[in-house]
């Protein structure tokens, strides 16, 4: 078995109101064997789409390179917009050296309730994936249930929206379509995507994510 540890601590600005919550970056980030175009920071994979989506929404003119400048660009955006990143998986073991959530075994989670308690301004969790096995919503549900919190549905359309009460706060939980190529098949079968594609044949899965993410960022 291969140990896959999260290479980054949570990045949570002082007045963060939203937390981006995923699982783990690809294993190459844990061993420092980065690709050309990777950024050595959360969601920094050149193959991922999160920063490309945010770049499109906010016109950030981000650099996609393994430099301190590229890291600082992303940190400044998060600080300015009161957004933090706190992935829910601390480590796992894998039989194969890949980035799939399904391939994770013997998973150790970060305590999301601890980070909510430490950051009292946070009222929204933006999950980069849904309730499929080992996805961020899947693990959050398990953690909440183990601590006697109830995740209540608000909207079951894509993206699904839930909430739960934590101390005196209502925490909204939004399960975004994963910003990865592996989620494109699910996007392709989405009725809203099909309608938009019919209206504009040039509309693609990236455009769909941009529209979705824009509502919540």
N, C-alpha and C. Protein backbone atom coordinates (compact mmCIF):
# COMPACT_ATOMS: atom_id res chain seq x y z
N UNK A 1 0.85 -1.20 0.00
CA UNK A 1 0.00 0.00 0.00
C UNK A 1 0.88 1.25 0.00
N UNK A 2 0.42 2.29 -0.65
CA UNK A 2 1.15 3.56 -0.76
C UNK A 2 0.47 4.59 0.12
N UNK A 3 1.24 5.24 1.00
CA UNK A 3 0.70 6.29 1.85
C UNK A 3 0.61 7.59 1.05
N UNK A 4 -0.56 8.19 1.06
CA UNK A 4 -0.81 9.46 0.34
C UNK A 4 -1.26 10.49 1.37
N UNK A 5 -0.36 11.42 1.73
CA UNK A 5 -0.66 12.45 2.72
C UNK A 5 -0.94 13.78 2.03
N UNK A 6 -1.86 14.54 2.62
CA UNK A 6 -2.14 15.86 2.07
C UNK A 6 -0.91 16.75 2.28
N UNK A 7 -0.42 17.39 1.22
CA UNK A 7 0.82 18.17 1.36
C UNK A 7 0.63 19.58 1.94
N UNK A 8 -0.63 20.04 2.04
CA UNK A 8 -0.86 21.42 2.46
C UNK A 8 -1.76 21.49 3.70
N UNK A 9 -1.40 22.39 4.60
CA UNK A 9 -2.29 22.69 5.71
C UNK A 9 -3.47 23.51 5.19
N UNK A 10 -4.59 23.51 5.91
CA UNK A 10 -5.69 24.38 5.50
C UNK A 10 -5.22 25.83 5.39
N UNK A 11 -5.69 26.51 4.37
CA UNK A 11 -5.40 27.94 4.20
C UNK A 11 -6.70 28.69 4.45
N UNK A 12 -6.81 29.32 5.62
CA UNK A 12 -8.07 29.96 6.01
C UNK A 12 -7.77 31.39 6.45
N UNK A 13 -8.08 32.38 5.63
CA UNK A 13 -7.89 33.78 6.02
C UNK A 13 -8.70 34.13 7.27
N UNK A 14 -8.27 35.15 7.97
CA UNK A 14 -8.85 35.52 9.27
C UNK A 14 -10.36 35.72 9.21
N UNK A 15 -10.86 36.39 8.18
CA UNK A 15 -12.29 36.70 8.10
C UNK A 15 -13.02 35.86 7.05
N UNK A 16 -12.53 34.65 6.81
CA UNK A 16 -13.14 33.80 5.79
C UNK A 16 -14.61 33.53 6.10
N UNK A 17 -15.44 33.62 5.07
CA UNK A 17 -16.86 33.29 5.19
C UNK A 17 -17.19 31.99 4.46
N UNK A 18 -16.29 31.56 3.56
CA UNK A 18 -16.51 30.35 2.79
C UNK A 18 -15.27 29.48 2.84
N UNK A 19 -15.48 28.17 2.84
CA UNK A 19 -14.37 27.22 2.75
C UNK A 19 -14.58 26.31 1.55
N UNK A 20 -13.57 26.19 0.72
CA UNK A 20 -13.56 25.20 -0.35
C UNK A 20 -13.10 23.88 0.27
N UNK A 21 -13.88 22.82 0.04
CA UNK A 21 -13.60 21.53 0.68
C UNK A 21 -13.54 20.43 -0.37
N UNK A 22 -12.35 19.85 -0.54
CA UNK A 22 -12.20 18.71 -1.42
C UNK A 22 -11.63 17.53 -0.66
N UNK A 23 -10.89 16.68 -1.35
CA UNK A 23 -10.30 15.50 -0.70
C UNK A 23 -8.78 15.65 -0.63
N UNK A 24 -8.08 15.25 -1.69
CA UNK A 24 -6.61 15.29 -1.72
C UNK A 24 -6.14 15.71 -3.12
N UNK A 25 -5.04 16.45 -3.20
CA UNK A 25 -4.45 16.69 -4.53
C UNK A 25 -3.78 15.41 -5.04
N UNK A 26 -3.43 15.34 -6.32
CA UNK A 26 -2.77 14.15 -6.85
C UNK A 26 -1.50 13.81 -6.05
N UNK A 27 -1.16 12.53 -5.96
CA UNK A 27 -0.01 12.11 -5.15
C UNK A 27 1.30 12.82 -5.48
N UNK A 28 1.47 13.27 -6.73
CA UNK A 28 2.74 13.92 -7.09
C UNK A 28 3.00 15.18 -6.27
N UNK A 29 1.93 15.81 -5.77
CA UNK A 29 2.10 16.99 -4.95
C UNK A 29 2.67 16.64 -3.57
N UNK A 30 2.39 15.43 -3.12
CA UNK A 30 2.88 14.99 -1.81
C UNK A 30 4.37 14.66 -1.82
N UNK A 31 4.89 14.34 -3.01
CA UNK A 31 6.31 13.97 -3.11
C UNK A 31 7.13 15.03 -3.84
N UNK A 32 6.47 16.12 -4.26
CA UNK A 32 7.18 17.22 -4.91
C UNK A 32 7.62 16.95 -6.33
N UNK A 33 6.94 16.00 -6.98
CA UNK A 33 7.28 15.66 -8.37
C UNK A 33 6.27 16.31 -9.31
N UNK A 34 6.35 17.64 -9.44
CA UNK A 34 5.30 18.39 -10.12
C UNK A 34 5.49 18.41 -11.64
N UNK A 35 4.36 18.55 -12.34
CA UNK A 35 4.37 18.67 -13.79
C UNK A 35 4.64 20.12 -14.19
N UNK A 36 5.02 20.30 -15.42
CA UNK A 36 5.13 21.63 -15.98
C UNK A 36 3.75 22.30 -15.96
N UNK A 37 3.65 23.47 -15.35
CA UNK A 37 2.37 24.15 -15.24
C UNK A 37 1.67 23.96 -13.92
N UNK A 38 2.11 23.00 -13.11
CA UNK A 38 1.55 22.83 -11.76
C UNK A 38 1.94 24.02 -10.88
N UNK A 39 1.05 24.37 -9.95
CA UNK A 39 1.34 25.38 -8.94
C UNK A 39 1.39 24.66 -7.59
N UNK A 40 2.44 24.91 -6.82
CA UNK A 40 2.65 24.19 -5.56
C UNK A 40 1.77 24.76 -4.45
N UNK A 41 0.45 24.56 -4.65
CA UNK A 41 -0.55 25.10 -3.73
C UNK A 41 -1.84 24.31 -3.93
N UNK A 42 -2.77 24.52 -3.04
CA UNK A 42 -4.06 23.81 -3.11
C UNK A 42 -4.69 23.96 -4.49
N UNK A 43 -5.15 22.84 -5.05
CA UNK A 43 -5.80 22.79 -6.36
C UNK A 43 -4.88 23.27 -7.48
N UNK A 44 -3.57 23.06 -7.28
CA UNK A 44 -2.60 23.58 -8.22
C UNK A 44 -2.32 22.71 -9.43
N UNK A 45 -2.98 21.57 -9.56
CA UNK A 45 -2.73 20.69 -10.70
C UNK A 45 -3.09 21.37 -12.01
N UNK A 46 -2.17 21.33 -12.97
CA UNK A 46 -2.45 21.89 -14.29
C UNK A 46 -3.61 21.17 -14.97
N UNK A 47 -3.89 19.94 -14.53
CA UNK A 47 -4.99 19.16 -15.10
C UNK A 47 -6.34 19.51 -14.48
N UNK A 48 -6.33 20.17 -13.32
CA UNK A 48 -7.57 20.54 -12.64
C UNK A 48 -8.16 21.81 -13.21
N UNK A 49 -9.39 22.11 -12.81
CA UNK A 49 -10.09 23.24 -13.40
C UNK A 49 -10.49 24.32 -12.39
N UNK A 50 -10.31 24.09 -11.10
CA UNK A 50 -10.83 25.06 -10.13
C UNK A 50 -10.27 26.45 -10.36
N UNK A 51 -8.93 26.57 -10.43
CA UNK A 51 -8.35 27.91 -10.60
C UNK A 51 -8.64 28.47 -11.99
N UNK A 52 -8.78 27.61 -12.98
CA UNK A 52 -9.13 28.09 -14.32
C UNK A 52 -10.56 28.65 -14.33
N UNK A 53 -11.45 27.99 -13.58
CA UNK A 53 -12.83 28.48 -13.47
C UNK A 53 -12.86 29.83 -12.75
N UNK A 54 -12.14 29.92 -11.62
CA UNK A 54 -12.11 31.18 -10.87
C UNK A 54 -11.42 32.27 -11.68
N UNK A 55 -10.42 31.90 -12.44
CA UNK A 55 -9.73 32.84 -13.32
C UNK A 55 -10.71 33.43 -14.34
N UNK A 56 -11.56 32.58 -14.89
CA UNK A 56 -12.56 33.01 -15.86
C UNK A 56 -13.60 33.92 -15.22
N UNK A 57 -14.06 33.56 -14.03
CA UNK A 57 -15.10 34.33 -13.35
C UNK A 57 -14.60 35.71 -12.93
N UNK A 58 -13.39 35.75 -12.37
CA UNK A 58 -12.89 36.98 -11.75
C UNK A 58 -11.81 37.69 -12.58
N UNK A 59 -11.50 37.17 -13.77
CA UNK A 59 -10.47 37.78 -14.63
C UNK A 59 -9.17 38.00 -13.85
N UNK A 60 -8.64 36.94 -13.25
CA UNK A 60 -7.50 37.04 -12.35
C UNK A 60 -6.15 37.10 -13.06
N UNK A 61 -6.12 36.68 -14.32
CA UNK A 61 -4.86 36.62 -15.08
C UNK A 61 -3.80 35.81 -14.31
N UNK A 62 -4.21 34.65 -13.87
CA UNK A 62 -3.32 33.79 -13.08
C UNK A 62 -2.20 33.22 -13.93
N UNK A 63 -1.06 33.00 -13.29
CA UNK A 63 0.04 32.27 -13.91
C UNK A 63 -0.09 30.80 -13.53
N UNK A 64 0.17 29.92 -14.48
CA UNK A 64 0.13 28.48 -14.25
C UNK A 64 1.56 27.96 -14.38
N UNK A 65 2.27 28.01 -13.25
CA UNK A 65 3.69 27.68 -13.23
C UNK A 65 4.11 27.41 -11.80
N UNK A 66 5.20 26.72 -11.63
CA UNK A 66 5.67 26.36 -10.30
C UNK A 66 6.57 27.48 -9.77
N UNK A 67 5.92 28.59 -9.37
CA UNK A 67 6.66 29.75 -8.87
C UNK A 67 5.97 30.30 -7.63
N UNK A 68 6.74 31.03 -6.82
CA UNK A 68 6.15 31.71 -5.65
C UNK A 68 5.13 32.75 -6.08
N UNK A 69 5.37 33.38 -7.24
CA UNK A 69 4.44 34.39 -7.73
C UNK A 69 3.05 33.79 -7.97
N UNK A 70 3.01 32.62 -8.60
CA UNK A 70 1.73 31.95 -8.88
C UNK A 70 1.00 31.59 -7.59
N UNK A 71 1.75 31.14 -6.58
CA UNK A 71 1.16 30.82 -5.28
C UNK A 71 0.57 32.09 -4.65
N UNK A 72 1.34 33.17 -4.68
CA UNK A 72 0.91 34.41 -4.05
C UNK A 72 -0.33 34.98 -4.73
N UNK A 73 -0.44 34.85 -6.04
CA UNK A 73 -1.64 35.29 -6.75
C UNK A 73 -2.88 34.63 -6.16
N UNK A 74 -2.79 33.34 -5.94
CA UNK A 74 -3.94 32.58 -5.44
C UNK A 74 -4.25 32.93 -3.98
N UNK A 75 -3.21 33.08 -3.18
CA UNK A 75 -3.43 33.46 -1.79
C UNK A 75 -4.07 34.85 -1.68
N UNK A 76 -3.63 35.78 -2.49
CA UNK A 76 -4.19 37.13 -2.45
C UNK A 76 -5.66 37.13 -2.86
N UNK A 77 -6.00 36.31 -3.86
CA UNK A 77 -7.41 36.20 -4.25
C UNK A 77 -8.25 35.68 -3.09
N UNK A 78 -7.78 34.63 -2.43
CA UNK A 78 -8.54 34.03 -1.33
C UNK A 78 -8.69 35.01 -0.17
N UNK A 79 -7.62 35.71 0.17
CA UNK A 79 -7.69 36.67 1.28
C UNK A 79 -8.65 37.81 0.95
N UNK A 80 -8.54 38.35 -0.26
CA UNK A 80 -9.38 39.48 -0.68
C UNK A 80 -10.85 39.10 -0.68
N UNK A 81 -11.16 37.86 -1.02
CA UNK A 81 -12.55 37.42 -1.15
C UNK A 81 -13.06 36.62 0.05
N UNK A 82 -12.27 36.59 1.12
CA UNK A 82 -12.68 35.90 2.35
C UNK A 82 -13.05 34.43 2.11
N UNK A 83 -12.20 33.77 1.35
CA UNK A 83 -12.40 32.36 1.02
C UNK A 83 -11.22 31.56 1.55
N UNK A 84 -11.50 30.45 2.20
CA UNK A 84 -10.45 29.55 2.66
C UNK A 84 -10.51 28.22 1.92
N UNK A 85 -9.47 27.43 2.10
CA UNK A 85 -9.44 26.07 1.55
C UNK A 85 -9.10 25.12 2.68
N UNK A 86 -9.97 24.14 2.90
CA UNK A 86 -9.74 23.16 3.96
C UNK A 86 -10.25 21.80 3.48
N UNK A 87 -9.40 21.06 2.79
CA UNK A 87 -9.80 19.73 2.32
C UNK A 87 -10.06 18.81 3.52
N UNK A 88 -10.96 17.85 3.32
CA UNK A 88 -11.42 17.05 4.44
C UNK A 88 -10.56 15.81 4.69
N UNK A 89 -9.74 15.39 3.73
CA UNK A 89 -8.92 14.19 3.90
C UNK A 89 -7.50 14.60 4.29
N UNK A 90 -7.01 14.05 5.39
CA UNK A 90 -5.64 14.29 5.84
C UNK A 90 -4.67 13.31 5.19
N UNK A 91 -5.09 12.04 5.10
CA UNK A 91 -4.23 11.04 4.46
C UNK A 91 -5.06 9.80 4.10
N UNK A 92 -4.47 8.98 3.25
CA UNK A 92 -5.10 7.70 2.90
C UNK A 92 -4.01 6.75 2.42
N UNK A 93 -4.39 5.53 2.16
CA UNK A 93 -3.50 4.57 1.53
C UNK A 93 -4.08 4.18 0.18
N UNK A 94 -3.19 3.86 -0.76
CA UNK A 94 -3.63 3.50 -2.11
C UNK A 94 -2.90 2.25 -2.59
N UNK A 95 -3.59 1.44 -3.36
CA UNK A 95 -2.94 0.31 -4.02
C UNK A 95 -2.25 0.76 -5.30
N UNK A 96 -2.85 1.78 -5.96
CA UNK A 96 -2.27 2.34 -7.18
C UNK A 96 -1.98 3.82 -6.95
N UNK A 97 -0.92 4.32 -7.55
CA UNK A 97 -0.53 5.71 -7.38
C UNK A 97 -1.32 6.59 -8.35
N UNK A 98 -2.58 6.84 -8.00
CA UNK A 98 -3.40 7.72 -8.82
C UNK A 98 -4.18 8.66 -7.91
N UNK A 99 -5.01 9.51 -8.50
CA UNK A 99 -5.68 10.56 -7.73
C UNK A 99 -7.16 10.28 -7.51
N UNK A 100 -7.62 9.08 -7.82
CA UNK A 100 -9.06 8.81 -7.72
C UNK A 100 -9.52 8.76 -6.27
N UNK A 101 -10.70 9.32 -6.02
CA UNK A 101 -11.28 9.23 -4.69
C UNK A 101 -11.63 7.78 -4.34
N UNK A 102 -12.10 7.03 -5.33
CA UNK A 102 -12.50 5.64 -5.09
C UNK A 102 -11.32 4.78 -4.66
N UNK A 103 -10.10 5.16 -5.06
CA UNK A 103 -8.93 4.36 -4.73
C UNK A 103 -8.40 4.59 -3.33
N UNK A 104 -9.02 5.51 -2.57
CA UNK A 104 -8.54 5.79 -1.22
C UNK A 104 -8.99 4.71 -0.24
N UNK A 105 -8.08 4.26 0.61
CA UNK A 105 -8.38 3.30 1.66
C UNK A 105 -7.75 3.78 2.97
N UNK A 106 -8.25 3.24 4.09
CA UNK A 106 -7.72 3.62 5.41
C UNK A 106 -7.59 5.13 5.55
N UNK A 107 -8.70 5.79 5.31
CA UNK A 107 -8.73 7.25 5.21
C UNK A 107 -8.75 7.90 6.59
N UNK A 108 -7.91 8.91 6.76
CA UNK A 108 -7.93 9.73 7.97
C UNK A 108 -8.45 11.11 7.59
N UNK A 109 -9.47 11.55 8.30
CA UNK A 109 -10.12 12.82 7.97
C UNK A 109 -9.63 13.96 8.85
N UNK A 110 -9.71 15.15 8.31
CA UNK A 110 -9.56 16.34 9.14
C UNK A 110 -10.90 16.62 9.81
N UNK A 111 -10.84 17.18 10.99
CA UNK A 111 -12.04 17.46 11.76
C UNK A 111 -12.61 18.80 11.31
N UNK A 112 -13.61 18.76 10.42
CA UNK A 112 -14.18 19.99 9.88
C UNK A 112 -14.87 20.81 10.96
N UNK A 113 -15.42 20.15 11.96
CA UNK A 113 -16.08 20.88 13.05
C UNK A 113 -15.07 21.69 13.86
N UNK A 114 -13.87 21.16 14.01
CA UNK A 114 -12.79 21.90 14.68
C UNK A 114 -12.47 23.19 13.92
N UNK A 115 -12.39 23.09 12.60
CA UNK A 115 -12.06 24.29 11.80
C UNK A 115 -13.22 25.28 11.77
N UNK A 116 -14.44 24.79 11.83
CA UNK A 116 -15.59 25.70 11.92
C UNK A 116 -15.60 26.43 13.26
N UNK A 117 -15.24 25.71 14.31
CA UNK A 117 -15.20 26.33 15.64
C UNK A 117 -14.09 27.39 15.70
N UNK A 118 -12.95 27.10 15.07
CA UNK A 118 -11.82 28.04 15.09
C UNK A 118 -12.07 29.26 14.21
N UNK A 119 -13.01 29.15 13.27
CA UNK A 119 -13.25 30.22 12.30
C UNK A 119 -14.73 30.59 12.31
N UNK A 120 -15.14 31.41 13.28
CA UNK A 120 -16.55 31.68 13.51
C UNK A 120 -17.25 32.50 12.44
N UNK A 121 -16.48 33.05 11.48
CA UNK A 121 -17.12 33.82 10.40
C UNK A 121 -17.54 32.94 9.23
N UNK A 122 -17.09 31.68 9.22
CA UNK A 122 -17.42 30.77 8.10
C UNK A 122 -18.88 30.34 8.19
N UNK A 123 -19.61 30.53 7.10
CA UNK A 123 -21.02 30.12 7.05
C UNK A 123 -21.34 29.26 5.82
N UNK A 124 -20.35 29.03 4.95
CA UNK A 124 -20.60 28.27 3.73
C UNK A 124 -19.45 27.31 3.46
N UNK A 125 -19.80 26.06 3.14
CA UNK A 125 -18.83 25.07 2.69
C UNK A 125 -19.09 24.78 1.21
N UNK A 126 -18.09 25.03 0.38
CA UNK A 126 -18.19 24.79 -1.05
C UNK A 126 -17.46 23.48 -1.36
N UNK A 127 -18.21 22.40 -1.52
CA UNK A 127 -17.62 21.09 -1.72
C UNK A 127 -17.30 20.89 -3.20
N UNK A 128 -16.08 20.44 -3.50
CA UNK A 128 -15.70 20.22 -4.89
C UNK A 128 -16.00 18.77 -5.29
N UNK A 129 -17.25 18.39 -5.11
CA UNK A 129 -17.69 17.04 -5.43
C UNK A 129 -18.88 16.66 -4.57
N UNK A 130 -19.53 15.58 -4.93
CA UNK A 130 -20.78 15.21 -4.28
C UNK A 130 -20.67 14.05 -3.32
N UNK A 131 -21.74 13.24 -3.29
CA UNK A 131 -21.89 12.20 -2.29
C UNK A 131 -21.49 10.82 -2.80
N UNK A 132 -20.80 10.76 -3.95
CA UNK A 132 -20.29 9.45 -4.39
C UNK A 132 -19.23 8.98 -3.40
N UNK A 133 -18.97 7.69 -3.38
CA UNK A 133 -18.08 7.13 -2.36
C UNK A 133 -16.73 7.86 -2.33
N UNK A 134 -16.36 8.28 -1.12
CA UNK A 134 -15.10 8.96 -0.84
C UNK A 134 -15.03 10.39 -1.36
N UNK A 135 -16.15 10.91 -1.87
CA UNK A 135 -16.19 12.32 -2.25
C UNK A 135 -16.31 13.20 -1.02
N UNK A 136 -16.11 14.52 -1.15
CA UNK A 136 -16.14 15.39 0.02
C UNK A 136 -17.48 15.40 0.76
N UNK A 137 -18.59 15.34 0.02
CA UNK A 137 -19.89 15.31 0.69
C UNK A 137 -20.07 13.99 1.45
N UNK A 138 -19.61 12.90 0.87
CA UNK A 138 -19.68 11.58 1.50
C UNK A 138 -18.99 11.61 2.87
N UNK A 139 -17.77 12.15 2.90
CA UNK A 139 -17.02 12.19 4.16
C UNK A 139 -17.60 13.19 5.15
N UNK A 140 -18.08 14.32 4.65
CA UNK A 140 -18.69 15.30 5.54
C UNK A 140 -19.93 14.72 6.21
N UNK A 141 -20.74 14.01 5.44
CA UNK A 141 -21.94 13.39 6.01
C UNK A 141 -21.57 12.42 7.13
N UNK A 142 -20.56 11.59 6.90
CA UNK A 142 -20.14 10.63 7.92
C UNK A 142 -19.67 11.35 9.18
N UNK A 143 -18.91 12.41 9.00
CA UNK A 143 -18.37 13.14 10.15
C UNK A 143 -19.48 13.84 10.92
N UNK A 144 -20.42 14.43 10.22
CA UNK A 144 -21.54 15.11 10.89
C UNK A 144 -22.40 14.10 11.65
N UNK A 145 -22.69 12.98 11.00
CA UNK A 145 -23.52 11.95 11.64
C UNK A 145 -22.86 11.42 12.91
N UNK A 146 -21.55 11.22 12.87
CA UNK A 146 -20.82 10.71 14.03
C UNK A 146 -20.85 11.69 15.20
N UNK A 147 -21.09 12.98 14.88
CA UNK A 147 -21.14 14.02 15.92
C UNK A 147 -22.55 14.54 16.16
N UNK A 148 -23.53 13.77 15.69
CA UNK A 148 -24.95 14.06 15.95
C UNK A 148 -25.43 15.37 15.34
N UNK A 149 -24.87 15.71 14.15
CA UNK A 149 -25.38 16.84 13.39
C UNK A 149 -26.17 16.31 12.20
N UNK A 150 -27.24 17.00 11.85
CA UNK A 150 -28.11 16.56 10.76
C UNK A 150 -27.95 17.49 9.56
N UNK A 151 -27.64 16.91 8.41
CA UNK A 151 -27.51 17.66 7.17
C UNK A 151 -28.88 17.67 6.48
N UNK A 152 -29.51 18.85 6.44
CA UNK A 152 -30.87 18.96 5.92
C UNK A 152 -30.86 19.49 4.49
N UNK A 153 -31.63 18.84 3.59
CA UNK A 153 -31.66 19.29 2.19
C UNK A 153 -32.43 20.59 2.01
N UNK A 154 -31.87 21.47 1.18
CA UNK A 154 -32.53 22.72 0.79
C UNK A 154 -32.94 22.65 -0.67
N UNK A 155 -32.03 22.13 -1.51
CA UNK A 155 -32.31 21.95 -2.94
C UNK A 155 -31.57 20.70 -3.40
N UNK A 156 -32.28 19.81 -4.10
CA UNK A 156 -31.66 18.59 -4.60
C UNK A 156 -31.33 18.67 -6.07
N UNK A 157 -31.50 19.86 -6.67
CA UNK A 157 -31.04 20.09 -8.03
C UNK A 157 -29.51 20.21 -8.00
N UNK A 158 -28.89 20.13 -9.18
CA UNK A 158 -27.43 20.30 -9.27
C UNK A 158 -27.10 21.79 -9.33
N UNK A 159 -26.25 22.29 -8.44
CA UNK A 159 -25.59 21.60 -7.33
C UNK A 159 -26.52 21.46 -6.13
N UNK A 160 -26.43 20.34 -5.44
CA UNK A 160 -27.26 20.12 -4.25
C UNK A 160 -26.85 21.09 -3.15
N UNK A 161 -27.86 21.55 -2.41
CA UNK A 161 -27.62 22.48 -1.30
C UNK A 161 -28.24 21.90 -0.04
N UNK A 162 -27.45 21.83 1.03
CA UNK A 162 -27.92 21.39 2.34
C UNK A 162 -27.51 22.43 3.38
N UNK A 163 -27.98 22.24 4.58
CA UNK A 163 -27.44 23.05 5.68
C UNK A 163 -27.52 22.27 6.98
N UNK A 164 -26.75 22.75 7.96
CA UNK A 164 -26.84 22.19 9.30
C UNK A 164 -26.55 23.29 10.29
N UNK A 165 -27.06 23.12 11.50
CA UNK A 165 -26.87 24.12 12.55
C UNK A 165 -25.63 23.75 13.35
N UNK A 166 -24.75 24.73 13.51
CA UNK A 166 -23.53 24.53 14.28
C UNK A 166 -23.40 25.70 15.26
N UNK A 167 -23.49 25.40 16.54
CA UNK A 167 -23.54 26.46 17.56
C UNK A 167 -24.68 27.41 17.20
N UNK A 168 -24.40 28.68 17.02
CA UNK A 168 -25.46 29.64 16.69
C UNK A 168 -25.53 29.94 15.20
N UNK A 169 -24.75 29.19 14.41
CA UNK A 169 -24.69 29.44 12.96
C UNK A 169 -25.45 28.39 12.16
N UNK A 170 -25.95 28.82 11.01
CA UNK A 170 -26.42 27.89 9.99
C UNK A 170 -25.33 27.79 8.95
N UNK A 171 -24.80 26.59 8.76
CA UNK A 171 -23.74 26.36 7.78
C UNK A 171 -24.37 25.80 6.50
N UNK A 172 -24.23 26.55 5.43
CA UNK A 172 -24.74 26.11 4.13
C UNK A 172 -23.69 25.25 3.44
N UNK A 173 -24.13 24.14 2.87
CA UNK A 173 -23.22 23.20 2.21
C UNK A 173 -23.65 23.05 0.76
N UNK A 174 -22.76 23.42 -0.16
CA UNK A 174 -23.08 23.37 -1.58
C UNK A 174 -22.16 22.36 -2.25
N UNK A 175 -22.74 21.34 -2.87
CA UNK A 175 -21.96 20.28 -3.52
C UNK A 175 -21.81 20.60 -5.01
N UNK A 176 -20.73 21.29 -5.34
CA UNK A 176 -20.48 21.69 -6.72
C UNK A 176 -20.09 20.50 -7.58
N UNK A 177 -20.32 20.64 -8.89
CA UNK A 177 -19.80 19.65 -9.83
C UNK A 177 -18.28 19.66 -9.75
N UNK A 178 -17.68 18.51 -9.59
CA UNK A 178 -16.23 18.42 -9.39
C UNK A 178 -15.48 19.09 -10.55
N UNK A 179 -14.43 19.86 -10.23
CA UNK A 179 -13.67 20.56 -11.28
C UNK A 179 -12.61 19.67 -11.90
N UNK A 180 -13.02 18.47 -12.30
CA UNK A 180 -12.09 17.49 -12.88
C UNK A 180 -12.68 16.92 -14.16
N UNK A 181 -11.82 16.41 -15.01
CA UNK A 181 -12.28 15.81 -16.25
C UNK A 181 -13.13 14.57 -16.03
N UNK A 182 -12.90 13.87 -14.93
CA UNK A 182 -13.66 12.64 -14.67
C UNK A 182 -15.14 12.91 -14.43
N UNK A 183 -15.49 14.15 -14.09
CA UNK A 183 -16.90 14.49 -13.84
C UNK A 183 -17.62 14.93 -15.11
N UNK A 184 -16.93 14.95 -16.24
CA UNK A 184 -17.55 15.46 -17.47
C UNK A 184 -18.71 14.61 -17.94
N UNK A 185 -18.64 13.30 -17.68
CA UNK A 185 -19.75 12.43 -18.09
C UNK A 185 -21.03 12.80 -17.35
N UNK A 186 -20.90 13.09 -16.05
CA UNK A 186 -22.08 13.50 -15.27
C UNK A 186 -22.62 14.83 -15.78
N UNK A 187 -21.71 15.75 -16.13
CA UNK A 187 -22.15 17.05 -16.67
C UNK A 187 -22.92 16.82 -17.97
N UNK A 188 -22.39 15.95 -18.81
CA UNK A 188 -23.01 15.70 -20.11
C UNK A 188 -24.43 15.17 -20.03
N UNK A 189 -24.75 14.50 -18.93
CA UNK A 189 -26.10 13.94 -18.77
C UNK A 189 -27.04 14.89 -18.01
N UNK A 190 -26.51 16.04 -17.57
CA UNK A 190 -27.32 16.99 -16.81
C UNK A 190 -28.33 17.68 -17.73
N UNK A 191 -29.62 17.69 -17.38
CA UNK A 191 -30.65 18.30 -18.25
C UNK A 191 -30.39 19.77 -18.56
N UNK A 192 -29.91 20.52 -17.57
CA UNK A 192 -29.62 21.94 -17.81
C UNK A 192 -28.50 22.10 -18.82
N UNK A 193 -27.46 21.26 -18.68
CA UNK A 193 -26.35 21.31 -19.63
C UNK A 193 -26.84 20.98 -21.04
N UNK A 194 -27.66 19.95 -21.15
CA UNK A 194 -28.17 19.54 -22.46
C UNK A 194 -28.96 20.67 -23.13
N UNK A 195 -29.75 21.38 -22.33
CA UNK A 195 -30.53 22.49 -22.86
C UNK A 195 -29.62 23.61 -23.35
N UNK A 196 -28.64 23.98 -22.54
CA UNK A 196 -27.72 25.05 -22.92
C UNK A 196 -26.88 24.66 -24.13
N UNK A 197 -26.51 23.38 -24.21
CA UNK A 197 -25.75 22.89 -25.35
C UNK A 197 -26.58 22.93 -26.63
N UNK A 198 -27.86 22.65 -26.48
CA UNK A 198 -28.76 22.69 -27.64
C UNK A 198 -28.91 24.11 -28.14
N UNK A 199 -28.97 25.06 -27.20
CA UNK A 199 -29.11 26.46 -27.57
C UNK A 199 -27.84 27.02 -28.19
N UNK A 200 -26.70 26.48 -27.73
CA UNK A 200 -25.40 26.95 -28.23
C UNK A 200 -24.47 25.76 -28.38
N UNK A 201 -24.28 25.25 -29.60
CA UNK A 201 -23.45 24.06 -29.80
C UNK A 201 -22.01 24.23 -29.31
N UNK A 202 -21.54 25.46 -29.16
CA UNK A 202 -20.18 25.70 -28.69
C UNK A 202 -20.06 25.65 -27.16
N UNK A 203 -21.20 25.58 -26.47
CA UNK A 203 -21.20 25.51 -25.01
C UNK A 203 -20.58 24.18 -24.58
N UNK A 204 -19.69 24.21 -23.57
CA UNK A 204 -19.00 22.98 -23.17
C UNK A 204 -19.06 22.79 -21.65
N UNK A 205 -18.44 21.70 -21.18
CA UNK A 205 -18.53 21.36 -19.76
C UNK A 205 -17.82 22.38 -18.87
N UNK A 206 -16.77 23.01 -19.40
CA UNK A 206 -16.09 24.07 -18.65
C UNK A 206 -17.02 25.28 -18.48
N UNK A 207 -17.70 25.67 -19.55
CA UNK A 207 -18.64 26.78 -19.49
C UNK A 207 -19.73 26.50 -18.46
N UNK A 208 -20.18 25.25 -18.40
CA UNK A 208 -21.22 24.87 -17.45
C UNK A 208 -20.75 25.07 -16.02
N UNK A 209 -19.52 24.66 -15.74
CA UNK A 209 -18.98 24.85 -14.39
C UNK A 209 -18.83 26.33 -14.06
N UNK A 210 -18.39 27.12 -15.02
CA UNK A 210 -18.23 28.56 -14.78
C UNK A 210 -19.57 29.17 -14.37
N UNK A 211 -20.63 28.84 -15.07
CA UNK A 211 -21.96 29.35 -14.72
C UNK A 211 -22.37 28.90 -13.32
N UNK A 212 -22.11 27.64 -13.00
CA UNK A 212 -22.50 27.09 -11.70
C UNK A 212 -21.70 27.73 -10.57
N UNK A 213 -20.39 27.78 -10.71
CA UNK A 213 -19.54 28.28 -9.66
C UNK A 213 -19.75 29.78 -9.41
N UNK A 214 -20.06 30.50 -10.48
CA UNK A 214 -20.23 31.95 -10.39
C UNK A 214 -21.33 32.32 -9.39
N UNK A 215 -22.33 31.47 -9.27
CA UNK A 215 -23.47 31.75 -8.35
C UNK A 215 -23.04 31.71 -6.89
N UNK A 216 -21.98 30.96 -6.59
CA UNK A 216 -21.64 30.71 -5.19
C UNK A 216 -20.31 31.32 -4.76
N UNK A 217 -19.50 31.77 -5.71
CA UNK A 217 -18.26 32.42 -5.36
C UNK A 217 -18.39 33.94 -5.38
